[in-house]
Amino acid sequence: MRTAVTQLADRLAAVGVAAVDDGVTIELTVLAHAAQAVERIRPLEAVPTLTTEAVMTLVIVGHLGEATRRDVDERRGADSASVLDRLAARGLLTQRTDQAATGRPNTYRLTTRALTLVGHSTPESFQAWCRQQMNPTDQPARVPGPASTDSGPDDELGS
């Protein structure tokens, strides 16, 4: 099914729709450029306002693919119980208990709604984006200096 949806991506995009796949559920969502037309037909769901801690938590869970509270706490450096609960209640994270793990911890994954919110259609595309942000392959951005001719790299930095 995932392969078929991937093959339909261009056709869906042409009509203003994207298929968002969280690894469990595939959900059709309206793309930004078609939102106004669809809004005339039916009211669109309001995009939730997210706190910095909520965004950070979504990025951590999305990057890991599946995360426990401990995983999130360690990366945030803070207790994440309430933010994980709020995100799950808002439908942005799914929560399940890992029966096989010691202590049966809850694990969290991004939902299709969360993937849509961050602009990705699969967990894998979001994870690839996260890796790219952490390990950019492009040359570092240079800070331009005053306009001059034939200046060396040190001159561009104002040295």
N, C-alpha and C. Protein backbone atom coordinates (compact mmCIF):
# COMPACT_ATOMS: atom_id res chain seq x y z
N MET A 1 0.82 -1.19 0.00
CA MET A 1 0.00 0.00 0.00
C MET A 1 0.86 1.26 0.00
N ARG A 2 1.95 1.23 0.79
CA ARG A 2 2.82 2.41 0.85
C ARG A 2 3.42 2.71 -0.52
N THR A 3 3.77 1.67 -1.26
CA THR A 3 4.35 1.86 -2.59
C THR A 3 3.33 2.50 -3.53
N ALA A 4 2.10 2.04 -3.47
CA ALA A 4 1.04 2.59 -4.33
C ALA A 4 0.80 4.06 -4.01
N VAL A 5 0.79 4.40 -2.75
CA VAL A 5 0.57 5.80 -2.37
C VAL A 5 1.73 6.67 -2.84
N THR A 6 2.94 6.16 -2.71
CA THR A 6 4.12 6.90 -3.19
C THR A 6 4.03 7.14 -4.69
N GLN A 7 3.57 6.15 -5.44
CA GLN A 7 3.43 6.29 -6.89
C GLN A 7 2.34 7.29 -7.26
N LEU A 8 1.36 7.46 -6.39
CA LEU A 8 0.27 8.41 -6.65
C LEU A 8 0.59 9.83 -6.19
N ALA A 9 1.71 10.04 -5.55
CA ALA A 9 2.04 11.33 -4.94
C ALA A 9 1.92 12.50 -5.92
N ASP A 10 2.46 12.37 -7.12
CA ASP A 10 2.40 13.47 -8.09
C ASP A 10 0.97 13.77 -8.51
N ARG A 11 0.17 12.74 -8.72
CA ARG A 11 -1.23 12.94 -9.11
C ARG A 11 -2.01 13.63 -7.98
N LEU A 12 -1.76 13.19 -6.77
CA LEU A 12 -2.44 13.79 -5.63
C LEU A 12 -2.03 15.26 -5.47
N ALA A 13 -0.74 15.54 -5.60
CA ALA A 13 -0.25 16.91 -5.45
C ALA A 13 -0.86 17.83 -6.50
N ALA A 14 -1.08 17.32 -7.69
CA ALA A 14 -1.66 18.12 -8.77
C ALA A 14 -3.07 18.60 -8.43
N VAL A 15 -3.76 17.87 -7.57
CA VAL A 15 -5.10 18.28 -7.17
C VAL A 15 -5.13 18.85 -5.75
N GLY A 16 -3.95 19.15 -5.20
CA GLY A 16 -3.87 19.80 -3.89
C GLY A 16 -3.97 18.89 -2.70
N VAL A 17 -3.61 17.63 -2.88
CA VAL A 17 -3.71 16.66 -1.79
C VAL A 17 -2.38 15.94 -1.62
N ALA A 18 -2.06 15.60 -0.39
CA ALA A 18 -0.87 14.79 -0.11
C ALA A 18 -1.28 13.61 0.75
N ALA A 19 -0.62 12.48 0.53
CA ALA A 19 -0.83 11.31 1.39
C ALA A 19 0.26 11.33 2.44
N VAL A 20 -0.13 11.34 3.70
CA VAL A 20 0.81 11.38 4.81
C VAL A 20 0.79 10.02 5.48
N ASP A 21 1.96 9.40 5.58
CA ASP A 21 2.08 8.03 6.08
C ASP A 21 2.93 8.04 7.33
N ASP A 22 2.35 7.68 8.48
CA ASP A 22 3.11 7.64 9.73
C ASP A 22 3.67 6.26 10.04
N GLY A 23 3.60 5.35 9.09
CA GLY A 23 4.08 4.00 9.28
C GLY A 23 2.98 3.04 9.71
N VAL A 24 1.85 3.58 10.16
CA VAL A 24 0.72 2.76 10.58
C VAL A 24 -0.53 3.17 9.80
N THR A 25 -0.73 4.47 9.66
CA THR A 25 -1.92 5.02 9.01
C THR A 25 -1.52 5.88 7.84
N ILE A 26 -2.30 5.84 6.77
CA ILE A 26 -2.11 6.75 5.64
C ILE A 26 -3.32 7.67 5.64
N GLU A 27 -3.05 8.97 5.67
CA GLU A 27 -4.12 9.96 5.73
C GLU A 27 -3.94 10.96 4.60
N LEU A 28 -5.03 11.32 3.94
CA LEU A 28 -4.97 12.35 2.90
C LEU A 28 -5.14 13.70 3.56
N THR A 29 -4.32 14.66 3.15
CA THR A 29 -4.38 15.99 3.72
C THR A 29 -4.31 17.03 2.60
N VAL A 30 -4.87 18.18 2.84
CA VAL A 30 -4.90 19.25 1.85
C VAL A 30 -3.58 20.02 1.90
N LEU A 31 -2.99 20.27 0.74
CA LEU A 31 -1.76 21.06 0.65
C LEU A 31 -2.09 22.55 0.79
N ALA A 32 -1.11 23.31 1.23
CA ALA A 32 -1.32 24.73 1.51
C ALA A 32 -1.89 25.49 0.31
N HIS A 33 -1.39 25.21 -0.91
CA HIS A 33 -1.84 25.96 -2.09
C HIS A 33 -3.30 25.68 -2.45
N ALA A 34 -3.87 24.60 -1.93
CA ALA A 34 -5.26 24.27 -2.23
C ALA A 34 -6.19 24.54 -1.04
N ALA A 35 -5.62 24.99 0.06
CA ALA A 35 -6.41 25.16 1.28
C ALA A 35 -7.56 26.13 1.12
N GLN A 36 -7.33 27.24 0.42
CA GLN A 36 -8.38 28.24 0.27
C GLN A 36 -9.58 27.67 -0.49
N ALA A 37 -9.32 26.92 -1.53
CA ALA A 37 -10.41 26.33 -2.31
C ALA A 37 -11.17 25.31 -1.46
N VAL A 38 -10.46 24.51 -0.72
CA VAL A 38 -11.11 23.49 0.10
C VAL A 38 -11.87 24.15 1.25
N GLU A 39 -11.33 25.23 1.77
CA GLU A 39 -11.98 25.93 2.88
C GLU A 39 -13.38 26.41 2.50
N ARG A 40 -13.56 26.75 1.24
CA ARG A 40 -14.89 27.18 0.78
C ARG A 40 -15.88 26.02 0.82
N ILE A 41 -15.37 24.81 0.65
CA ILE A 41 -16.23 23.64 0.66
C ILE A 41 -16.51 23.18 2.09
N ARG A 42 -15.49 23.14 2.90
CA ARG A 42 -15.64 22.76 4.30
C ARG A 42 -14.63 23.53 5.14
N PRO A 43 -15.00 23.87 6.37
CA PRO A 43 -14.04 24.58 7.22
C PRO A 43 -12.85 23.68 7.55
N LEU A 44 -11.66 24.25 7.47
CA LEU A 44 -10.45 23.49 7.78
C LEU A 44 -10.19 23.51 9.28
N GLU A 45 -9.54 22.45 9.75
CA GLU A 45 -9.15 22.36 11.14
C GLU A 45 -8.07 23.40 11.42
N ALA A 46 -8.20 24.08 12.54
CA ALA A 46 -7.21 25.08 12.91
C ALA A 46 -5.88 24.41 13.22
N VAL A 47 -4.80 25.03 12.79
CA VAL A 47 -3.47 24.52 13.09
C VAL A 47 -3.15 24.90 14.53
N PRO A 48 -2.78 23.93 15.34
CA PRO A 48 -2.52 24.24 16.75
C PRO A 48 -1.27 25.09 16.91
N THR A 49 -1.31 25.96 17.90
CA THR A 49 -0.14 26.73 18.26
C THR A 49 0.68 25.86 19.20
N LEU A 50 1.95 25.70 18.89
CA LEU A 50 2.80 24.83 19.69
C LEU A 50 3.86 25.63 20.44
N THR A 51 4.11 25.23 21.67
CA THR A 51 5.17 25.85 22.46
C THR A 51 6.52 25.35 21.95
N THR A 52 7.56 26.03 22.36
CA THR A 52 8.91 25.60 21.99
C THR A 52 9.18 24.20 22.50
N GLU A 53 8.75 23.90 23.73
CA GLU A 53 8.98 22.55 24.28
C GLU A 53 8.21 21.50 23.49
N ALA A 54 7.03 21.84 22.98
CA ALA A 54 6.24 20.90 22.18
C ALA A 54 6.93 20.63 20.84
N VAL A 55 7.41 21.69 20.19
CA VAL A 55 8.11 21.53 18.91
C VAL A 55 9.37 20.70 19.11
N MET A 56 10.12 21.01 20.16
CA MET A 56 11.35 20.26 20.44
C MET A 56 11.03 18.78 20.67
N THR A 57 9.97 18.51 21.38
CA THR A 57 9.57 17.13 21.66
C THR A 57 9.16 16.41 20.37
N LEU A 58 8.39 17.07 19.51
CA LEU A 58 8.01 16.47 18.24
C LEU A 58 9.24 16.16 17.39
N VAL A 59 10.19 17.07 17.37
CA VAL A 59 11.41 16.85 16.58
C VAL A 59 12.20 15.66 17.12
N ILE A 60 12.31 15.57 18.45
CA ILE A 60 13.05 14.45 19.05
C ILE A 60 12.37 13.13 18.71
N VAL A 61 11.07 13.05 18.93
CA VAL A 61 10.34 11.81 18.65
C VAL A 61 10.41 11.49 17.16
N GLY A 62 10.20 12.49 16.32
CA GLY A 62 10.25 12.26 14.88
C GLY A 62 11.60 11.81 14.41
N HIS A 63 12.64 12.41 14.94
CA HIS A 63 13.99 12.04 14.55
C HIS A 63 14.32 10.60 14.95
N LEU A 64 13.91 10.22 16.14
CA LEU A 64 14.19 8.86 16.62
C LEU A 64 13.24 7.83 15.98
N GLY A 65 12.10 8.27 15.49
CA GLY A 65 11.12 7.35 14.92
C GLY A 65 10.15 6.85 15.99
N GLU A 66 10.68 6.42 17.09
CA GLU A 66 9.89 6.00 18.24
C GLU A 66 10.75 6.31 19.46
N ALA A 67 10.16 6.92 20.47
CA ALA A 67 10.95 7.34 21.63
C ALA A 67 10.18 7.09 22.92
N THR A 68 10.94 6.80 23.96
CA THR A 68 10.35 6.70 25.30
C THR A 68 10.44 8.07 25.96
N ARG A 69 9.74 8.22 27.06
CA ARG A 69 9.83 9.47 27.82
C ARG A 69 11.28 9.72 28.22
N ARG A 70 11.98 8.67 28.62
CA ARG A 70 13.38 8.81 29.02
C ARG A 70 14.22 9.37 27.87
N ASP A 71 13.99 8.87 26.64
CA ASP A 71 14.72 9.37 25.47
C ASP A 71 14.50 10.88 25.32
N VAL A 72 13.26 11.29 25.45
CA VAL A 72 12.92 12.71 25.28
C VAL A 72 13.50 13.52 26.43
N ASP A 73 13.36 13.04 27.67
CA ASP A 73 13.89 13.75 28.84
C ASP A 73 15.39 13.98 28.70
N GLU A 74 16.12 12.94 28.28
CA GLU A 74 17.58 13.05 28.15
C GLU A 74 17.98 14.08 27.11
N ARG A 75 17.27 14.13 26.00
CA ARG A 75 17.62 15.06 24.93
C ARG A 75 17.17 16.49 25.22
N ARG A 76 16.05 16.63 25.92
CA ARG A 76 15.57 17.97 26.28
C ARG A 76 16.25 18.50 27.53
N GLY A 77 16.70 17.59 28.38
CA GLY A 77 17.29 18.00 29.65
C GLY A 77 16.24 18.47 30.64
N ALA A 78 15.03 17.96 30.50
CA ALA A 78 13.93 18.36 31.37
C ALA A 78 12.89 17.25 31.41
N ASP A 79 12.03 17.29 32.42
CA ASP A 79 10.93 16.33 32.53
C ASP A 79 9.94 16.59 31.40
N SER A 80 9.60 15.55 30.66
CA SER A 80 8.76 15.70 29.48
C SER A 80 7.39 15.05 29.61
N ALA A 81 7.05 14.56 30.80
CA ALA A 81 5.79 13.83 30.97
C ALA A 81 4.58 14.65 30.54
N SER A 82 4.48 15.89 30.99
CA SER A 82 3.28 16.68 30.68
C SER A 82 3.22 17.07 29.21
N VAL A 83 4.34 17.39 28.60
CA VAL A 83 4.31 17.77 27.18
C VAL A 83 3.98 16.55 26.31
N LEU A 84 4.48 15.38 26.67
CA LEU A 84 4.14 14.16 25.93
C LEU A 84 2.64 13.86 26.06
N ASP A 85 2.12 14.02 27.26
CA ASP A 85 0.68 13.80 27.48
C ASP A 85 -0.16 14.78 26.66
N ARG A 86 0.23 16.05 26.64
CA ARG A 86 -0.52 17.07 25.88
C ARG A 86 -0.47 16.78 24.39
N LEU A 87 0.69 16.42 23.88
CA LEU A 87 0.82 16.13 22.45
C LEU A 87 0.02 14.89 22.06
N ALA A 88 -0.01 13.89 22.93
CA ALA A 88 -0.82 12.70 22.67
C ALA A 88 -2.31 13.06 22.70
N ALA A 89 -2.71 13.89 23.65
CA ALA A 89 -4.12 14.29 23.75
C ALA A 89 -4.55 15.12 22.54
N ARG A 90 -3.63 15.87 21.95
CA ARG A 90 -3.94 16.69 20.77
C ARG A 90 -3.86 15.89 19.48
N GLY A 91 -3.52 14.62 19.58
CA GLY A 91 -3.47 13.78 18.38
C GLY A 91 -2.19 13.93 17.58
N LEU A 92 -1.14 14.47 18.19
CA LEU A 92 0.12 14.66 17.48
C LEU A 92 1.11 13.52 17.73
N LEU A 93 0.89 12.77 18.80
CA LEU A 93 1.70 11.60 19.11
C LEU A 93 0.79 10.42 19.41
N THR A 94 1.23 9.23 19.02
CA THR A 94 0.56 8.02 19.47
C THR A 94 1.38 7.47 20.62
N GLN A 95 0.71 6.85 21.55
CA GLN A 95 1.37 6.31 22.73
C GLN A 95 1.01 4.83 22.85
N ARG A 96 2.01 4.01 23.09
CA ARG A 96 1.74 2.60 23.34
C ARG A 96 2.70 2.11 24.42
N THR A 97 2.30 1.10 25.11
CA THR A 97 3.14 0.52 26.16
C THR A 97 3.93 -0.63 25.56
N ASP A 98 5.24 -0.58 25.76
CA ASP A 98 6.12 -1.65 25.27
C ASP A 98 6.12 -2.77 26.30
N GLN A 99 5.30 -3.79 26.07
CA GLN A 99 5.14 -4.89 27.02
C GLN A 99 6.41 -5.71 27.20
N ALA A 100 7.27 -5.72 26.19
CA ALA A 100 8.48 -6.55 26.24
C ALA A 100 9.62 -5.89 27.02
N ALA A 101 9.61 -4.58 27.12
CA ALA A 101 10.71 -3.85 27.76
C ALA A 101 10.57 -3.88 29.28
N THR A 102 11.69 -3.83 29.96
CA THR A 102 11.70 -3.78 31.42
C THR A 102 10.97 -2.53 31.90
N GLY A 103 10.04 -2.70 32.80
CA GLY A 103 9.28 -1.57 33.32
C GLY A 103 8.12 -1.16 32.42
N ARG A 104 7.98 -1.80 31.27
CA ARG A 104 6.92 -1.53 30.29
C ARG A 104 6.74 -0.02 30.03
N PRO A 105 7.77 0.62 29.51
CA PRO A 105 7.66 2.06 29.27
C PRO A 105 6.73 2.37 28.10
N ASN A 106 6.16 3.57 28.13
CA ASN A 106 5.39 4.04 26.99
C ASN A 106 6.35 4.47 25.90
N THR A 107 5.99 4.19 24.66
CA THR A 107 6.76 4.71 23.53
C THR A 107 5.84 5.62 22.73
N TYR A 108 6.43 6.59 22.08
CA TYR A 108 5.69 7.61 21.34
C TYR A 108 6.18 7.66 19.90
N ARG A 109 5.23 7.92 19.00
CA ARG A 109 5.51 8.10 17.56
C ARG A 109 4.71 9.28 17.06
N LEU A 110 5.21 9.93 16.00
CA LEU A 110 4.44 11.00 15.37
C LEU A 110 3.23 10.42 14.67
N THR A 111 2.13 11.15 14.68
CA THR A 111 0.93 10.75 13.94
C THR A 111 0.97 11.40 12.56
N THR A 112 0.04 11.01 11.70
CA THR A 112 -0.05 11.65 10.38
C THR A 112 -0.33 13.15 10.55
N ARG A 113 -1.10 13.49 11.55
CA ARG A 113 -1.40 14.91 11.81
C ARG A 113 -0.11 15.68 12.14
N ALA A 114 0.74 15.11 12.95
CA ALA A 114 2.00 15.76 13.29
C ALA A 114 2.91 15.87 12.08
N LEU A 115 2.98 14.80 11.28
CA LEU A 115 3.81 14.83 10.08
C LEU A 115 3.33 15.93 9.13
N THR A 116 2.02 16.06 8.99
CA THR A 116 1.46 17.12 8.15
C THR A 116 1.86 18.49 8.69
N LEU A 117 1.80 18.65 9.99
CA LEU A 117 2.13 19.92 10.63
C LEU A 117 3.57 20.33 10.37
N VAL A 118 4.48 19.34 10.34
CA VAL A 118 5.89 19.66 10.10
C VAL A 118 6.26 19.58 8.62
N GLY A 119 5.26 19.32 7.76
CA GLY A 119 5.49 19.39 6.32
C GLY A 119 6.11 18.16 5.69
N HIS A 120 5.92 17.00 6.28
CA HIS A 120 6.47 15.76 5.72
C HIS A 120 5.36 14.74 5.54
N SER A 121 5.56 13.83 4.61
CA SER A 121 4.53 12.83 4.34
C SER A 121 4.85 11.46 4.90
N THR A 122 6.07 11.24 5.36
CA THR A 122 6.43 9.96 5.99
C THR A 122 7.41 10.22 7.13
N PRO A 123 7.47 9.30 8.10
CA PRO A 123 8.48 9.45 9.16
C PRO A 123 9.89 9.44 8.58
N GLU A 124 10.10 8.65 7.54
CA GLU A 124 11.44 8.56 6.94
C GLU A 124 11.88 9.88 6.32
N SER A 125 10.96 10.58 5.67
CA SER A 125 11.36 11.87 5.07
C SER A 125 11.67 12.89 6.17
N PHE A 126 10.94 12.83 7.27
CA PHE A 126 11.22 13.74 8.38
C PHE A 126 12.57 13.39 9.02
N GLN A 127 12.85 12.11 9.20
CA GLN A 127 14.12 11.69 9.77
C GLN A 127 15.29 12.10 8.87
N ALA A 128 15.11 11.96 7.57
CA ALA A 128 16.16 12.37 6.63
C ALA A 128 16.39 13.88 6.72
N TRP A 129 15.31 14.64 6.85
CA TRP A 129 15.44 16.10 7.00
C TRP A 129 16.19 16.43 8.29
N CYS A 130 15.86 15.73 9.38
CA CYS A 130 16.55 15.96 10.66
C CYS A 130 18.04 15.67 10.53
N ARG A 131 18.38 14.54 9.89
CA ARG A 131 19.80 14.20 9.70
C ARG A 131 20.51 15.27 8.88
N GLN A 132 19.83 15.77 7.86
CA GLN A 132 20.43 16.80 7.01
C GLN A 132 20.67 18.07 7.82
N GLN A 133 19.75 18.42 8.71
CA GLN A 133 19.91 19.63 9.51
C GLN A 133 21.06 19.48 10.51
N MET A 134 21.26 18.27 11.01
CA MET A 134 22.33 18.04 11.99
C MET A 134 23.68 17.85 11.33
N ASN A 135 23.70 17.33 10.11
CA ASN A 135 24.95 17.06 9.39
C ASN A 135 24.86 17.61 7.98
N PRO A 136 24.82 18.93 7.83
CA PRO A 136 24.67 19.47 6.48
C PRO A 136 25.87 19.11 5.61
N THR A 137 25.58 18.74 4.36
CA THR A 137 26.65 18.39 3.44
C THR A 137 27.14 19.61 2.67
N ASP A 138 26.35 20.68 2.68
CA ASP A 138 26.74 21.89 1.98
C ASP A 138 27.84 22.60 2.75
N GLN A 139 28.55 23.46 2.06
CA GLN A 139 29.57 24.26 2.70
C GLN A 139 28.91 25.21 3.69
N PRO A 140 29.58 25.53 4.79
CA PRO A 140 28.99 26.46 5.74
C PRO A 140 28.71 27.80 5.09
N ALA A 141 27.64 28.43 5.53
CA ALA A 141 27.29 29.74 4.98
C ALA A 141 28.35 30.74 5.38
N ARG A 142 28.67 31.62 4.47
CA ARG A 142 29.67 32.65 4.75
C ARG A 142 28.97 33.95 5.04
N VAL A 143 29.53 34.68 5.93
CA VAL A 143 28.99 35.98 6.26
C VAL A 143 29.58 36.98 5.29
N PRO A 144 28.76 37.62 4.45
CA PRO A 144 29.32 38.55 3.47
C PRO A 144 29.84 39.82 4.14
N GLY A 145 30.94 40.30 3.64
CA GLY A 145 31.51 41.55 4.15
C GLY A 145 31.18 42.68 3.21
N PRO A 146 31.80 43.82 3.38
CA PRO A 146 31.56 44.94 2.49
C PRO A 146 31.95 44.59 1.06
N ALA A 147 31.25 45.15 0.10
CA ALA A 147 31.52 44.87 -1.31
C ALA A 147 32.92 45.30 -1.66
N SER A 148 33.70 44.38 -2.23
CA SER A 148 35.04 44.68 -2.68
C SER A 148 35.39 43.71 -3.78
N THR A 149 36.47 43.96 -4.47
CA THR A 149 36.88 43.09 -5.55
C THR A 149 38.04 42.23 -5.11
N ASP A 150 38.03 40.99 -5.53
CA ASP A 150 39.11 40.04 -5.27
C ASP A 150 39.54 39.98 -3.80
N SER A 151 38.60 39.97 -2.90
CA SER A 151 38.97 39.86 -1.50
C SER A 151 39.12 38.39 -1.15
N GLY A 152 39.99 38.08 -0.23
CA GLY A 152 40.19 36.71 0.20
C GLY A 152 39.14 36.33 1.23
N PRO A 153 39.14 35.06 1.65
CA PRO A 153 38.15 34.60 2.61
C PRO A 153 38.18 35.37 3.93
N ASP A 154 39.40 35.76 4.38
CA ASP A 154 39.48 36.50 5.64
C ASP A 154 38.84 37.87 5.50
N ASP A 155 38.98 38.49 4.33
CA ASP A 155 38.39 39.80 4.12
C ASP A 155 36.87 39.74 4.18
N GLU A 156 36.27 38.64 3.71
CA GLU A 156 34.82 38.51 3.71
C GLU A 156 34.27 38.47 5.12
N LEU A 157 35.06 38.00 6.06
CA LEU A 157 34.60 37.92 7.44
C LEU A 157 34.91 39.17 8.22
N GLY A 158 35.49 40.13 7.56
CA GLY A 158 35.80 41.41 8.22
C GLY A 158 37.04 41.38 9.05
N SER A 159 37.97 40.43 8.78
CA SER A 159 39.21 40.34 9.55
C SER A 159 40.26 41.24 8.96
